[in-house]
Amino acid sequence: MKRIRIVLADAHVVLRSGLKALLEQEDDLIVVGEAADGVTCVEQVLALTPDIVILGISMPRSDGFETLEQIRMKAPETRVLILTMYDSVGYLRRVLALGGTGYVPKRATADELLTAVHTVYDGGVYLHPDFTWVLTGPDGNLSNTNHPLQNTTRMRYDTLSKHEAEIFRLVAMGYHNTEIAELVHLSVRTIEHHKSRFMQKLDVHSRAGVVRCAIELGILQ
């Protein structure tokens, strides 16, 4: 049986110890690494290639948001589940925009956390029941809500830097790297760097994907 490999990242050693004990009661889960800060977490992810990181937000050296962004850039196959004390829709929006795949408050039950781990591992996105109203709206109907979480593409786009957004627009319009470099007065290498960054953030993998994304955002007609 394949075991789901997990790295735990939280500033509090007691919490990490309790989580490890809980998770390893399950036959299909194993904690392969721990980190007390964001920088060490990224190092652990690169060294151990876990399936999932369970990540806190308040950590030294690099907070959970910065750490999540680094993991998505450097180890995109690793899925990130946020475990936090913050009941903040704003934080939840930011986590999803940065590519996080789960958001669980620390008051969650053991069963809820285990469900979150398995949901994320299976390719889903897990929101604790306290936050499902954000996606469904008060009437429970997703199609009738205009909440920003409904548009994941827009949330991802909003995380782009000024340069990334401009280069995204030019790529979508059909310009090549050398042409973009001349237009924005940057080197081709810098253009390639920004292009790689925005494609990672938007989760697109081809020029056609960039065009589809730009149409969805209303940047291209």
Foldseek 3Di string as FASTA:
>chain_A
DAAAEEEEEALDPVVVVVVQVLQVVDVRYHYPYYYNALVVVLVCCVVPVGQEYAAEADGPPAGPLRSLLSCLLPPVNHAYAYEYQDPDPVVVLSCLLSPHQYYHYNVDDSVLVVVQVVQVSVPHGYYPPVCVCLQQPPVRHNVPDPRPVVDSLVSLLVPQDPLLNVLLLVLLVPDDLVVVCVVVVHDSVVSVVSPSSSCSSNVHDDSVSSNVSCVVVVSDD
